[in-house]
PDB file of N, CA and C in Angstrom:
ATOM      1  N   MET A   1     -25.751   2.931 -22.600  1.00  0.00           N
ATOM      2  CA  MET A   1     -25.198   1.792 -21.658  1.00  0.00           C
ATOM      3  C   MET A   1     -24.505   0.803 -22.596  1.00  0.00           C
ATOM      4  N   PRO A   2     -23.283   0.487 -22.194  1.00  0.00           N
ATOM      5  CA  PRO A   2     -22.431  -0.418 -22.985  1.00  0.00           C
ATOM      6  C   PRO A   2     -23.031  -1.764 -22.939  1.00  0.00           C
ATOM      7  N   SER A   3     -22.646  -2.709 -23.976  1.00  0.00           N
ATOM      8  CA  SER A   3     -23.046  -4.033 -24.013  1.00  0.00           C
ATOM      9  C   SER A   3     -22.210  -4.798 -23.311  1.00  0.00           C
ATOM     10  N   ASN A   4     -22.618  -6.175 -22.769  1.00  0.00           N
ATOM     11  CA  ASN A   4     -21.727  -6.998 -22.065  1.00  0.00           C
ATOM     12  C   ASN A   4     -20.373  -7.292 -22.538  1.00  0.00           C
ATOM     13  N   THR A   5     -20.275  -7.248 -23.883  1.00  0.00           N
ATOM     14  CA  THR A   5     -18.976  -7.685 -24.432  1.00  0.00           C
ATOM     15  C   THR A   5     -18.047  -6.376 -24.685  1.00  0.00           C
ATOM     16  N   ASP A   6     -18.557  -5.107 -24.445  1.00  0.00           N
ATOM     17  CA  ASP A   6     -17.775  -3.902 -24.549  1.00  0.00           C
ATOM     18  C   ASP A   6     -16.697  -3.969 -23.430  1.00  0.00           C
ATOM     19  N   VAL A   7     -15.584  -3.433 -23.906  1.00  0.00           N
ATOM     20  CA  VAL A   7     -14.350  -3.423 -23.059  1.00  0.00           C
ATOM     21  C   VAL A   7     -14.389  -2.184 -22.099  1.00  0.00           C
ATOM     22  N   VAL A   8     -14.022  -2.421 -20.722  1.00  0.00           N
ATOM     23  CA  VAL A   8     -13.993  -1.529 -19.812  1.00  0.00           C
ATOM     24  C   VAL A   8     -12.418  -1.471 -19.337  1.00  0.00           C
ATOM     25  N   LYS A   9     -11.999  -0.261 -19.204  1.00  0.00           N
ATOM     26  CA  LYS A   9     -10.554  -0.012 -18.872  1.00  0.00           C
ATOM     27  C   LYS A   9     -10.479   0.619 -17.420  1.00  0.00           C
ATOM     28  N   LEU A  10      -9.655  -0.271 -16.604  1.00  0.00           N
ATOM     29  CA  LEU A  10      -9.507   0.154 -15.156  1.00  0.00           C
ATOM     30  C   LEU A  10      -8.112   0.539 -14.975  1.00  0.00           C
ATOM     31  N   GLN A  11      -7.894   1.487 -14.137  1.00  0.00           N
ATOM     32  CA  GLN A  11      -6.393   1.910 -13.910  1.00  0.00           C
ATOM     33  C   GLN A  11      -6.069   1.866 -12.432  1.00  0.00           C
ATOM     34  N   SER A  12      -4.981   1.313 -12.042  1.00  0.00           N
ATOM     35  CA  SER A  12      -4.588   1.245 -10.644  1.00  0.00           C
ATOM     36  C   SER A  12      -4.060   2.431 -10.172  1.00  0.00           C
ATOM     37  N   LYS A  13      -3.875   2.763  -8.875  1.00  0.00           N
ATOM     38  CA  LYS A  13      -3.195   3.927  -8.302  1.00  0.00           C
ATOM     39  C   LYS A  13      -1.915   4.034  -8.877  1.00  0.00           C
ATOM     40  N   ASP A  14      -1.238   3.061  -9.287  1.00  0.00           N
ATOM     41  CA  ASP A  14       0.183   3.110  -9.969  1.00  0.00           C
ATOM     42  C   ASP A  14       0.192   3.393 -11.379  1.00  0.00           C
ATOM     43  N   GLY A  15      -0.956   3.714 -11.860  1.00  0.00           N
ATOM     44  CA  GLY A  15      -1.140   3.965 -13.321  1.00  0.00           C
ATOM     45  C   GLY A  15      -1.202   2.889 -14.301  1.00  0.00           C
ATOM     46  N   GLU A  16      -1.079   1.696 -13.860  1.00  0.00           N
ATOM     47  CA  GLU A  16      -1.323   0.447 -14.668  1.00  0.00           C
ATOM     48  C   GLU A  16      -2.628   0.226 -15.042  1.00  0.00           C
ATOM     49  N   ASN A  17      -2.865  -0.136 -16.510  1.00  0.00           N
ATOM     50  CA  ASN A  17      -4.142  -0.177 -17.163  1.00  0.00           C
ATOM     51  C   ASN A  17      -4.413  -1.713 -17.207  1.00  0.00           C
ATOM     52  N   PHE A  18      -5.787  -1.915 -16.970  1.00  0.00           N
ATOM     53  CA  PHE A  18      -6.400  -3.461 -17.258  1.00  0.00           C
ATOM     54  C   PHE A  18      -7.659  -3.232 -17.955  1.00  0.00           C
ATOM     55  N   GLU A  19      -7.981  -4.215 -18.681  1.00  0.00           N
ATOM     56  CA  GLU A  19      -9.163  -4.325 -19.550  1.00  0.00           C
ATOM     57  C   GLU A  19     -10.061  -5.612 -19.101  1.00  0.00           C
ATOM     58  N   LEU A  20     -11.268  -5.322 -19.136  1.00  0.00           N
ATOM     59  CA  LEU A  20     -12.181  -6.597 -18.866  1.00  0.00           C
ATOM     60  C   LEU A  20     -13.550  -6.155 -19.549  1.00  0.00           C
ATOM     61  N   SER A  21     -14.481  -7.309 -19.659  1.00  0.00           N
ATOM     62  CA  SER A  21     -15.643  -6.949 -20.228  1.00  0.00           C
ATOM     63  C   SER A  21     -16.560  -6.049 -19.487  1.00  0.00           C
ATOM     64  N   PHE A  22     -17.567  -5.463 -19.960  1.00  0.00           N
ATOM     65  CA  PHE A  22     -18.502  -4.677 -19.163  1.00  0.00           C
ATOM     66  C   PHE A  22     -19.315  -5.646 -18.223  1.00  0.00           C
ATOM     67  N   LYS A  23     -19.566  -6.925 -18.897  1.00  0.00           N
ATOM     68  CA  LYS A  23     -20.299  -7.828 -17.764  1.00  0.00           C
ATOM     69  C   LYS A  23     -19.486  -8.139 -16.771  1.00  0.00           C
ATOM     70  N   ALA A  24     -18.194  -8.312 -16.761  1.00  0.00           N
ATOM     71  CA  ALA A  24     -17.219  -8.675 -15.625  1.00  0.00           C
ATOM     72  C   ALA A  24     -17.224  -7.414 -14.757  1.00  0.00           C
ATOM     73  N   ALA A  25     -17.132  -6.192 -15.378  1.00  0.00           N
ATOM     74  CA  ALA A  25     -16.907  -4.984 -14.655  1.00  0.00           C
ATOM     75  C   ALA A  25     -18.098  -4.505 -13.759  1.00  0.00           C
ATOM     76  N   ARG A  26     -19.146  -4.982 -14.153  1.00  0.00           N
ATOM     77  CA  ARG A  26     -20.544  -4.682 -13.447  1.00  0.00           C
ATOM     78  C   ARG A  26     -20.614  -5.393 -12.299  1.00  0.00           C
ATOM     79  N   LEU A  27     -19.851  -6.388 -11.957  1.00  0.00           N
ATOM     80  CA  LEU A  27     -19.941  -7.056 -10.823  1.00  0.00           C
ATOM     81  C   LEU A  27     -19.522  -6.339  -9.663  1.00  0.00           C
ATOM     82  N   SER A  28     -18.831  -5.117  -9.899  1.00  0.00           N
ATOM     83  CA  SER A  28     -18.664  -4.209  -8.900  1.00  0.00           C
ATOM     84  C   SER A  28     -19.519  -2.912  -9.056  1.00  0.00           C
ATOM     85  N   LYS A  29     -20.339  -2.826  -8.058  1.00  0.00           N
ATOM     86  CA  LYS A  29     -21.296  -1.626  -8.207  1.00  0.00           C
ATOM     87  C   LYS A  29     -20.682  -0.523  -8.454  1.00  0.00           C
ATOM     88  N   HIS A  30     -19.605  -0.174  -7.598  1.00  0.00           N
ATOM     89  CA  HIS A  30     -18.781   1.132  -7.741  1.00  0.00           C
ATOM     90  C   HIS A  30     -18.328   1.275  -9.193  1.00  0.00           C
ATOM     91  N   ILE A  31     -17.716   0.312  -9.804  1.00  0.00           N
ATOM     92  CA  ILE A  31     -17.311   0.344 -11.224  1.00  0.00           C
ATOM     93  C   ILE A  31     -18.480   0.656 -12.144  1.00  0.00           C
ATOM     94  N   GLU A  32     -19.632   0.032 -11.963  1.00  0.00           N
ATOM     95  CA  GLU A  32     -20.837   0.081 -12.705  1.00  0.00           C
ATOM     96  C   GLU A  32     -21.141   1.592 -12.539  1.00  0.00           C
ATOM     97  N   ASP A  33     -21.236   2.190 -11.456  1.00  0.00           N
ATOM     98  CA  ASP A  33     -21.741   3.637 -11.208  1.00  0.00           C
ATOM     99  C   ASP A  33     -20.803   4.465 -11.932  1.00  0.00           C
ATOM    100  N   GLU A  34     -19.456   4.138 -11.991  1.00  0.00           N
ATOM    101  CA  GLU A  34     -18.482   5.068 -12.790  1.00  0.00           C
ATOM    102  C   GLU A  34     -18.733   4.881 -14.120  1.00  0.00           C
ATOM    103  N   ILE A  35     -19.151   3.878 -14.616  1.00  0.00           N
ATOM    104  CA  ILE A  35     -19.414   3.801 -15.971  1.00  0.00           C
ATOM    105  C   ILE A  35     -20.489   4.525 -16.532  1.00  0.00           C
ATOM    106  N   ASP A  36     -21.625   4.413 -15.535  1.00  0.00           N
ATOM    107  CA  ASP A  36     -22.865   5.284 -15.758  1.00  0.00           C
ATOM    108  C   ASP A  36     -22.528   6.847 -15.795  1.00  0.00           C
ATOM    109  N   ARG A  37     -21.652   7.201 -14.943  1.00  0.00           N
ATOM    110  CA  ARG A  37     -21.416   8.636 -14.834  1.00  0.00           C
ATOM    111  C   ARG A  37     -20.409   9.053 -15.888  1.00  0.00           C
ATOM    112  N   LYS A  38     -19.343   8.219 -16.280  1.00  0.00           N
ATOM    113  CA  LYS A  38     -18.412   8.754 -17.193  1.00  0.00           C
ATOM    114  C   LYS A  38     -18.235   8.207 -18.483  1.00  0.00           C
ATOM    115  N   GLY A  39     -18.847   6.863 -18.555  1.00  0.00           N
ATOM    116  CA  GLY A  39     -18.704   6.097 -19.754  1.00  0.00           C
ATOM    117  C   GLY A  39     -17.483   5.268 -19.850  1.00  0.00           C
ATOM    118  N   THR A  40     -17.139   4.719 -20.869  1.00  0.00           N
ATOM    119  CA  THR A  40     -16.100   3.758 -21.139  1.00  0.00           C
ATOM    120  C   THR A  40     -15.009   4.340 -21.904  1.00  0.00           C
ATOM    121  N   GLU A  41     -14.964   5.495 -22.336  1.00  0.00           N
ATOM    122  CA  GLU A  41     -13.891   5.866 -23.259  1.00  0.00           C
ATOM    123  C   GLU A  41     -12.617   6.121 -22.477  1.00  0.00           C
ATOM    124  N   GLU A  42     -12.611   6.626 -21.446  1.00  0.00           N
ATOM    125  CA  GLU A  42     -11.327   6.639 -20.523  1.00  0.00           C
ATOM    126  C   GLU A  42     -11.310   5.768 -19.306  1.00  0.00           C
ATOM    127  N   PRO A  43     -10.067   5.366 -19.049  1.00  0.00           N
ATOM    128  CA  PRO A  43      -9.956   4.285 -18.051  1.00  0.00           C
ATOM    129  C   PRO A  43     -10.556   4.841 -16.624  1.00  0.00           C
ATOM    130  N   ILE A  44     -11.271   3.977 -15.793  1.00  0.00           N
ATOM    131  CA  ILE A  44     -11.819   4.290 -14.691  1.00  0.00           C
ATOM    132  C   ILE A  44     -10.668   4.262 -13.674  1.00  0.00           C
ATOM    133  N   LYS A  45     -10.349   5.302 -13.076  1.00  0.00           N
ATOM    134  CA  LYS A  45      -9.173   5.331 -12.145  1.00  0.00           C
ATOM    135  C   LYS A  45      -9.619   4.868 -10.723  1.00  0.00           C
ATOM    136  N   LEU A  46      -8.805   3.933 -10.165  1.00  0.00           N
ATOM    137  CA  LEU A  46      -9.085   3.235  -8.808  1.00  0.00           C
ATOM    138  C   LEU A  46      -8.092   3.791  -7.967  1.00  0.00           C
ATOM    139  N   GLU A  47      -8.133   4.848  -7.383  1.00  0.00           N
ATOM    140  CA  GLU A  47      -7.004   5.638  -6.642  1.00  0.00           C
ATOM    141  C   GLU A  47      -6.522   4.922  -5.476  1.00  0.00           C
ATOM    142  N   LYS A  48      -7.266   4.074  -4.996  1.00  0.00           N
ATOM    143  CA  LYS A  48      -6.937   3.152  -3.680  1.00  0.00           C
ATOM    144  C   LYS A  48      -6.307   1.824  -3.943  1.00  0.00           C
ATOM    145  N   VAL A  49      -6.477   1.423  -5.238  1.00  0.00           N
ATOM    146  CA  VAL A  49      -6.185   0.092  -5.524  1.00  0.00           C
ATOM    147  C   VAL A  49      -4.802  -0.120  -6.186  1.00  0.00           C
ATOM    148  N   SER A  50      -3.822  -0.836  -5.607  1.00  0.00           N
ATOM    149  CA  SER A  50      -2.515  -0.977  -6.150  1.00  0.00           C
ATOM    150  C   SER A  50      -2.649  -1.892  -7.377  1.00  0.00           C
ATOM    151  N   THR A  51      -1.632  -1.815  -8.201  1.00  0.00           N
ATOM    152  CA  THR A  51      -1.458  -2.771  -9.322  1.00  0.00           C
ATOM    153  C   THR A  51      -1.565  -4.368  -8.996  1.00  0.00           C
ATOM    154  N   ALA A  52      -0.886  -4.556  -7.683  1.00  0.00           N
ATOM    155  CA  ALA A  52      -0.901  -6.115  -7.450  1.00  0.00           C
ATOM    156  C   ALA A  52      -2.438  -6.484  -7.008  1.00  0.00           C
ATOM    157  N   LEU A  53      -3.083  -5.554  -6.328  1.00  0.00           N
ATOM    158  CA  LEU A  53      -4.437  -5.852  -6.029  1.00  0.00           C
ATOM    159  C   LEU A  53      -5.385  -5.924  -7.165  1.00  0.00           C
ATOM    160  N   LEU A  54      -5.139  -5.001  -7.979  1.00  0.00           N
ATOM    161  CA  LEU A  54      -6.077  -4.907  -9.133  1.00  0.00           C
ATOM    162  C   LEU A  54      -5.818  -6.027 -10.241  1.00  0.00           C
ATOM    163  N   THR A  55      -4.659  -6.524 -10.092  1.00  0.00           N
ATOM    164  CA  THR A  55      -4.389  -7.649 -11.049  1.00  0.00           C
ATOM    165  C   THR A  55      -5.298  -8.913 -10.544  1.00  0.00           C
ATOM    166  N   LYS A  56      -5.154  -9.127  -9.267  1.00  0.00           N
ATOM    167  CA  LYS A  56      -6.038 -10.038  -8.580  1.00  0.00           C
ATOM    168  C   LYS A  56      -7.593 -10.113  -8.925  1.00  0.00           C
ATOM    169  N   ILE A  57      -7.959  -8.742  -8.738  1.00  0.00           N
ATOM    170  CA  ILE A  57      -9.396  -8.413  -8.703  1.00  0.00           C
ATOM    171  C   ILE A  57      -9.755  -8.757 -10.310  1.00  0.00           C
ATOM    172  N   VAL A  58      -9.023  -8.242 -11.202  1.00  0.00           N
ATOM    173  CA  VAL A  58      -9.551  -8.431 -12.663  1.00  0.00           C
ATOM    174  C   VAL A  58      -9.452  -9.900 -12.949  1.00  0.00           C
ATOM    175  N   ASP A  59      -8.476 -10.681 -12.529  1.00  0.00           N
ATOM    176  CA  ASP A  59      -8.522 -12.074 -12.651  1.00  0.00           C
ATOM    177  C   ASP A  59      -9.676 -12.750 -12.068  1.00  0.00           C
ATOM    178  N   TYR A  60     -10.085 -12.215 -10.830  1.00  0.00           N
ATOM    179  CA  TYR A  60     -11.295 -12.894 -10.065  1.00  0.00           C
ATOM    180  C   TYR A  60     -12.527 -12.523 -11.044  1.00  0.00           C
ATOM    181  N   LEU A  61     -12.738 -11.386 -11.489  1.00  0.00           N
ATOM    182  CA  LEU A  61     -13.961 -10.955 -12.144  1.00  0.00           C
ATOM    183  C   LEU A  61     -14.046 -11.669 -13.543  1.00  0.00           C
ATOM    184  N   LYS A  62     -12.989 -11.673 -14.017  1.00  0.00           N
ATOM    185  CA  LYS A  62     -12.936 -12.532 -15.427  1.00  0.00           C
ATOM    186  C   LYS A  62     -13.316 -13.860 -15.298  1.00  0.00           C
ATOM    187  N   HIS A  63     -12.844 -14.562 -14.137  1.00  0.00           N
ATOM    188  CA  HIS A  63     -13.243 -15.977 -13.969  1.00  0.00           C
ATOM    189  C   HIS A  63     -14.562 -16.077 -13.475  1.00  0.00           C
ATOM    190  N   TYR A  64     -14.974 -15.210 -12.651  1.00  0.00           N
ATOM    191  CA  TYR A  64     -16.344 -15.231 -12.058  1.00  0.00           C
ATOM    192  C   TYR A  64     -17.346 -15.140 -13.210  1.00  0.00           C
ATOM    193  N   GLU A  65     -17.143 -14.251 -14.249  1.00  0.00           N
ATOM    194  CA  GLU A  65     -18.035 -14.156 -15.387  1.00  0.00           C
ATOM    195  C   GLU A  65     -18.309 -15.436 -15.985  1.00  0.00           C
ATOM    196  N   LYS A  66     -17.327 -16.281 -16.105  1.00  0.00           N
ATOM    197  CA  LYS A  66     -17.378 -17.581 -16.808  1.00  0.00           C
ATOM    198  C   LYS A  66     -17.835 -18.790 -15.755  1.00  0.00           C
ATOM    199  N   GLU A  67     -17.467 -18.770 -14.500  1.00  0.00           N
ATOM    200  CA  GLU A  67     -17.878 -19.704 -13.469  1.00  0.00           C
ATOM    201  C   GLU A  67     -17.993 -18.994 -12.177  1.00  0.00           C
ATOM    202  N   LYS A  68     -19.321 -18.851 -11.931  1.00  0.00           N
ATOM    203  CA  LYS A  68     -19.533 -18.267 -10.675  1.00  0.00           C
ATOM    204  C   LYS A  68     -19.133 -19.130  -9.438  1.00  0.00           C
ATOM    205  N   MET A  69     -18.687 -18.528  -8.348  1.00  0.00           N
ATOM    206  CA  MET A  69     -18.404 -19.299  -7.242  1.00  0.00           C
ATOM    207  C   MET A  69     -19.660 -19.900  -6.661  1.00  0.00           C
ATOM    208  N   LYS A  70     -19.664 -21.062  -6.084  1.00  0.00           N
ATOM    209  CA  LYS A  70     -20.882 -21.716  -5.498  1.00  0.00           C
ATOM    210  C   LYS A  70     -21.070 -21.021  -4.082  1.00  0.00           C
ATOM    211  N   LYS A  71     -22.343 -21.067  -3.664  1.00  0.00           N
ATOM    212  CA  LYS A  71     -22.637 -20.441  -2.330  1.00  0.00           C
ATOM    213  C   LYS A  71     -22.039 -21.450  -1.469  1.00  0.00           C
ATOM    214  N   ILE A  72     -21.347 -20.639  -0.294  1.00  0.00           N
ATOM    215  CA  ILE A  72     -20.764 -21.360   0.712  1.00  0.00           C
ATOM    216  C   ILE A  72     -21.912 -21.738   1.744  1.00  0.00           C
ATOM    217  N   VAL A  73     -22.089 -22.950   2.100  1.00  0.00           N
ATOM    218  CA  VAL A  73     -22.981 -23.563   2.830  1.00  0.00           C
ATOM    219  C   VAL A  73     -22.619 -23.236   4.299  1.00  0.00           C
ATOM    220  N   MET A  74     -23.440 -22.741   5.119  1.00  0.00           N
ATOM    221  CA  MET A  74     -23.042 -22.313   6.580  1.00  0.00           C
ATOM    222  C   MET A  74     -23.944 -23.089   7.344  1.00  0.00           C
ATOM    223  N   PRO A  75     -23.559 -23.760   8.568  1.00  0.00           N
ATOM    224  CA  PRO A  75     -22.225 -23.630   9.103  1.00  0.00           C
ATOM    225  C   PRO A  75     -21.378 -24.582   8.248  1.00  0.00           C
ATOM    226  N   LEU A  76     -20.099 -24.157   8.276  1.00  0.00           N
ATOM    227  CA  LEU A  76     -19.117 -24.849   7.504  1.00  0.00           C
ATOM    228  C   LEU A  76     -18.987 -26.276   7.986  1.00  0.00           C
ATOM    229  N   LYS A  77     -18.959 -27.393   7.342  1.00  0.00           N
ATOM    230  CA  LYS A  77     -18.720 -28.663   7.727  1.00  0.00           C
ATOM    231  C   LYS A  77     -17.203 -29.014   8.062  1.00  0.00           C
ATOM    232  N   LYS A  78     -16.473 -28.245   7.038  1.00  0.00           N
ATOM    233  CA  LYS A  78     -14.895 -28.409   7.152  1.00  0.00           C
ATOM    234  C   LYS A  78     -14.292 -27.057   6.997  1.00  0.00           C
ATOM    235  N   PHE A  79     -13.118 -26.800   7.658  1.00  0.00           N
ATOM    236  CA  PHE A  79     -12.634 -25.592   7.752  1.00  0.00           C
ATOM    237  C   PHE A  79     -11.711 -25.244   6.552  1.00  0.00           C
ATOM    238  N   ASP A  80     -11.343 -26.145   5.667  1.00  0.00           N
ATOM    239  CA  ASP A  80     -10.429 -25.996   4.672  1.00  0.00           C
ATOM    240  C   ASP A  80     -11.158 -25.439   3.566  1.00  0.00           C
ATOM    241  N   ILE A  81     -10.747 -24.391   3.065  1.00  0.00           N
ATOM    242  CA  ILE A  81     -11.473 -23.515   2.060  1.00  0.00           C
ATOM    243  C   ILE A  81     -11.700 -24.325   0.731  1.00  0.00           C
ATOM    244  N   SER A  82     -10.706 -25.144   0.330  1.00  0.00           N
ATOM    245  CA  SER A  82     -10.823 -26.015  -0.704  1.00  0.00           C
ATOM    246  C   SER A  82     -11.925 -27.210  -0.738  1.00  0.00           C
ATOM    247  N   ASP A  83     -12.604 -27.356   0.598  1.00  0.00           N
ATOM    248  CA  ASP A  83     -13.623 -28.233   0.615  1.00  0.00           C
ATOM    249  C   ASP A  83     -15.003 -27.455   0.526  1.00  0.00           C
ATOM    250  N   ASN A  84     -14.961 -26.128   0.328  1.00  0.00           N
ATOM    251  CA  ASN A  84     -16.072 -25.374   0.421  1.00  0.00           C
ATOM    252  C   ASN A  84     -16.374 -24.620  -0.823  1.00  0.00           C
ATOM    253  N   VAL A  85     -15.399 -24.468  -1.620  1.00  0.00           N
ATOM    254  CA  VAL A  85     -15.496 -23.605  -2.927  1.00  0.00           C
ATOM    255  C   VAL A  85     -14.715 -24.342  -4.135  1.00  0.00           C
ATOM    256  N   GLN A  86     -15.029 -24.085  -5.270  1.00  0.00           N
ATOM    257  CA  GLN A  86     -14.202 -24.637  -6.459  1.00  0.00           C
ATOM    258  C   GLN A  86     -12.665 -24.227  -6.281  1.00  0.00           C
ATOM    259  N   SER A  87     -11.860 -25.050  -6.889  1.00  0.00           N
ATOM    260  CA  SER A  87     -10.435 -25.001  -6.709  1.00  0.00           C
ATOM    261  C   SER A  87      -9.901 -23.617  -7.162  1.00  0.00           C
ATOM    262  N   TYR A  88     -10.400 -23.141  -8.188  1.00  0.00           N
ATOM    263  CA  TYR A  88      -9.939 -21.785  -8.653  1.00  0.00           C
ATOM    264  C   TYR A  88      -9.924 -20.771  -7.478  1.00  0.00           C
ATOM    265  N   TYR A  89     -11.103 -20.759  -6.890  1.00  0.00           N
ATOM    266  CA  TYR A  89     -11.353 -19.809  -5.692  1.00  0.00           C
ATOM    267  C   TYR A  89     -10.436 -20.004  -4.554  1.00  0.00           C
ATOM    268  N   ALA A  90     -10.475 -21.321  -4.374  1.00  0.00           N
ATOM    269  CA  ALA A  90      -9.665 -21.689  -3.142  1.00  0.00           C
ATOM    270  C   ALA A  90      -8.048 -21.298  -3.420  1.00  0.00           C
ATOM    271  N   ASN A  91      -7.612 -21.643  -4.498  1.00  0.00           N
ATOM    272  CA  ASN A  91      -6.278 -21.264  -4.905  1.00  0.00           C
ATOM    273  C   ASN A  91      -6.063 -19.618  -4.849  1.00  0.00           C
ATOM    274  N   TRP A  92      -7.020 -18.929  -5.403  1.00  0.00           N
ATOM    275  CA  TRP A  92      -7.018 -17.506  -5.319  1.00  0.00           C
ATOM    276  C   TRP A  92      -6.817 -16.970  -3.956  1.00  0.00           C
ATOM    277  N   VAL A  93      -7.367 -17.573  -3.035  1.00  0.00           N
ATOM    278  CA  VAL A  93      -7.330 -17.034  -1.714  1.00  0.00           C
ATOM    279  C   VAL A  93      -6.123 -17.457  -1.069  1.00  0.00           C
ATOM    280  N   GLU A  94      -5.770 -18.760  -1.283  1.00  0.00           N
ATOM    281  CA  GLU A  94      -4.481 -19.551  -0.681  1.00  0.00           C
ATOM    282  C   GLU A  94      -3.093 -18.771  -1.326  1.00  0.00           C
ATOM    283  N   GLU A  95      -3.358 -18.224  -2.285  1.00  0.00           N
ATOM    284  CA  GLU A  95      -1.993 -17.555  -2.970  1.00  0.00           C
ATOM    285  C   GLU A  95      -1.591 -16.248  -2.370  1.00  0.00           C
ATOM    286  N   MET A  96      -2.590 -15.648  -1.610  1.00  0.00           N
ATOM    287  CA  MET A  96      -2.473 -14.366  -1.006  1.00  0.00           C
ATOM    288  C   MET A  96      -1.863 -14.480   0.415  1.00  0.00           C
ATOM    289  N   GLU A  97      -0.934 -13.392   0.714  1.00  0.00           N
ATOM    290  CA  GLU A  97      -0.564 -13.317   1.987  1.00  0.00           C
ATOM    291  C   GLU A  97      -1.597 -12.852   2.965  1.00  0.00           C
ATOM    292  N   GLU A  98      -1.590 -12.998   4.192  1.00  0.00           N
ATOM    293  CA  GLU A  98      -2.435 -12.657   5.009  1.00  0.00           C
ATOM    294  C   GLU A  98      -2.756 -10.921   4.999  1.00  0.00           C
ATOM    295  N   ASP A  99      -1.885 -10.278   4.897  1.00  0.00           N
ATOM    296  CA  ASP A  99      -1.943  -8.673   4.796  1.00  0.00           C
ATOM    297  C   ASP A  99      -2.684  -8.384   3.649  1.00  0.00           C
ATOM    298  N   ALA A 100      -2.265  -8.967   2.360  1.00  0.00           N
ATOM    299  CA  ALA A 100      -2.909  -8.707   1.219  1.00  0.00           C
ATOM    300  C   ALA A 100      -4.472  -9.201   1.223  1.00  0.00           C
ATOM    301  N   LEU A 101      -4.683 -10.275   1.848  1.00  0.00           N
ATOM    302  CA  LEU A 101      -6.093 -10.695   1.843  1.00  0.00           C
ATOM    303  C   LEU A 101      -7.062  -9.703   2.772  1.00  0.00           C
ATOM    304  N   PHE A 102      -6.522  -9.165   3.728  1.00  0.00           N
ATOM    305  CA  PHE A 102      -7.212  -8.195   4.499  1.00  0.00           C
ATOM    306  C   PHE A 102      -7.310  -6.930   3.850  1.00  0.00           C
ATOM    307  N   GLU A 103      -6.303  -6.494   2.911  1.00  0.00           N
ATOM    308  CA  GLU A 103      -6.427  -5.291   2.078  1.00  0.00           C
ATOM    309  C   GLU A 103      -7.585  -5.642   0.941  1.00  0.00           C
ATOM    310  N   MET A 104      -7.661  -6.821   0.431  1.00  0.00           N
ATOM    311  CA  MET A 104      -8.400  -7.239  -0.583  1.00  0.00           C
ATOM    312  C   MET A 104      -9.808  -7.078  -0.104  1.00  0.00           C
ATOM    313  N   ILE A 105     -10.072  -7.444   1.135  1.00  0.00           N
ATOM    314  CA  ILE A 105     -11.491  -7.354   1.642  1.00  0.00           C
ATOM    315  C   ILE A 105     -11.811  -6.090   1.798  1.00  0.00           C
ATOM    316  N   ASN A 106     -10.965  -5.073   2.183  1.00  0.00           N
ATOM    317  CA  ASN A 106     -11.362  -3.590   2.157  1.00  0.00           C
ATOM    318  C   ASN A 106     -11.681  -2.978   0.868  1.00  0.00           C
ATOM    319  N   VAL A 107     -10.727  -3.525  -0.133  1.00  0.00           N
ATOM    320  CA  VAL A 107     -10.943  -2.909  -1.567  1.00  0.00           C
ATOM    321  C   VAL A 107     -12.319  -3.574  -2.017  1.00  0.00           C
ATOM    322  N   ALA A 108     -12.510  -4.720  -1.762  1.00  0.00           N
ATOM    323  CA  ALA A 108     -13.930  -5.412  -2.421  1.00  0.00           C
ATOM    324  C   ALA A 108     -14.891  -4.647  -1.810  1.00  0.00           C
ATOM    325  N   ASN A 109     -14.911  -4.159  -0.454  1.00  0.00           N
ATOM    326  CA  ASN A 109     -15.910  -3.443   0.218  1.00  0.00           C
ATOM    327  C   ASN A 109     -16.074  -2.190  -0.559  1.00  0.00           C
ATOM    328  N   ASP A 110     -15.087  -1.363  -0.694  1.00  0.00           N
ATOM    329  CA  ASP A 110     -14.927  -0.082  -1.287  1.00  0.00           C
ATOM    330  C   ASP A 110     -15.605  -0.112  -2.846  1.00  0.00           C
ATOM    331  N   LEU A 111     -15.194  -1.126  -3.510  1.00  0.00           N
ATOM    332  CA  LEU A 111     -15.712  -1.380  -4.812  1.00  0.00           C
ATOM    333  C   LEU A 111     -17.288  -1.924  -4.801  1.00  0.00           C
ATOM    334  N   LYS A 112     -17.675  -2.070  -3.808  1.00  0.00           N
ATOM    335  CA  LYS A 112     -19.049  -2.833  -3.646  1.00  0.00           C
ATOM    336  C   LYS A 112     -19.105  -4.041  -4.572  1.00  0.00           C
ATOM    337  N   CYS A 113     -18.193  -4.938  -4.296  1.00  0.00           N
ATOM    338  CA  CYS A 113     -18.193  -6.073  -5.119  1.00  0.00           C
ATOM    339  C   CYS A 113     -18.495  -7.342  -4.228  1.00  0.00           C
ATOM    340  N   MET A 114     -19.733  -7.660  -4.101  1.00  0.00           N
ATOM    341  CA  MET A 114     -20.298  -8.488  -3.101  1.00  0.00           C
ATOM    342  C   MET A 114     -19.922  -9.852  -3.376  1.00  0.00           C
ATOM    343  N   GLN A 115     -19.619 -10.166  -4.602  1.00  0.00           N
ATOM    344  CA  GLN A 115     -19.174 -11.755  -5.060  1.00  0.00           C
ATOM    345  C   GLN A 115     -17.931 -11.952  -4.292  1.00  0.00           C
ATOM    346  N   MET A 116     -17.023 -10.961  -4.111  1.00  0.00           N
ATOM    347  CA  MET A 116     -15.745 -11.208  -3.496  1.00  0.00           C
ATOM    348  C   MET A 116     -15.855 -11.230  -2.043  1.00  0.00           C
ATOM    349  N   MET A 117     -16.982 -11.046  -1.540  1.00  0.00           N
ATOM    350  CA  MET A 117     -17.020 -10.877  -0.049  1.00  0.00           C
ATOM    351  C   MET A 117     -17.940 -12.024   0.474  1.00  0.00           C
ATOM    352  N   THR A 118     -18.556 -12.939  -0.343  1.00  0.00           N
ATOM    353  CA  THR A 118     -19.313 -13.968   0.190  1.00  0.00           C
ATOM    354  C   THR A 118     -18.652 -15.317   0.221  1.00  0.00           C
TER     355      THR A 118
END
């Protein structure tokens, strides 16, 4: 089992490689399972994930490792996302086009990354 500071390599469907710590990578149950099966020597190929989405995912996981997103209190008192989460997370969502956001939800589900879906 790798240590939290070990580097995990991820590869998009376009062949682009990304690196992040094992601690951040484990936030995705799918990636953690792939590490358990294959180790960390070779990049983990994410055949359904484009470079653009993987860039956003890696950025999110690296940030989440340092600053977890606060739990969103329900029911929402205000509908503006910036009133419900820290500015990084609000900006992360607001920077995406609607189609990309829906695709991101599907990818987060496939990767079993619950932190991105709450």
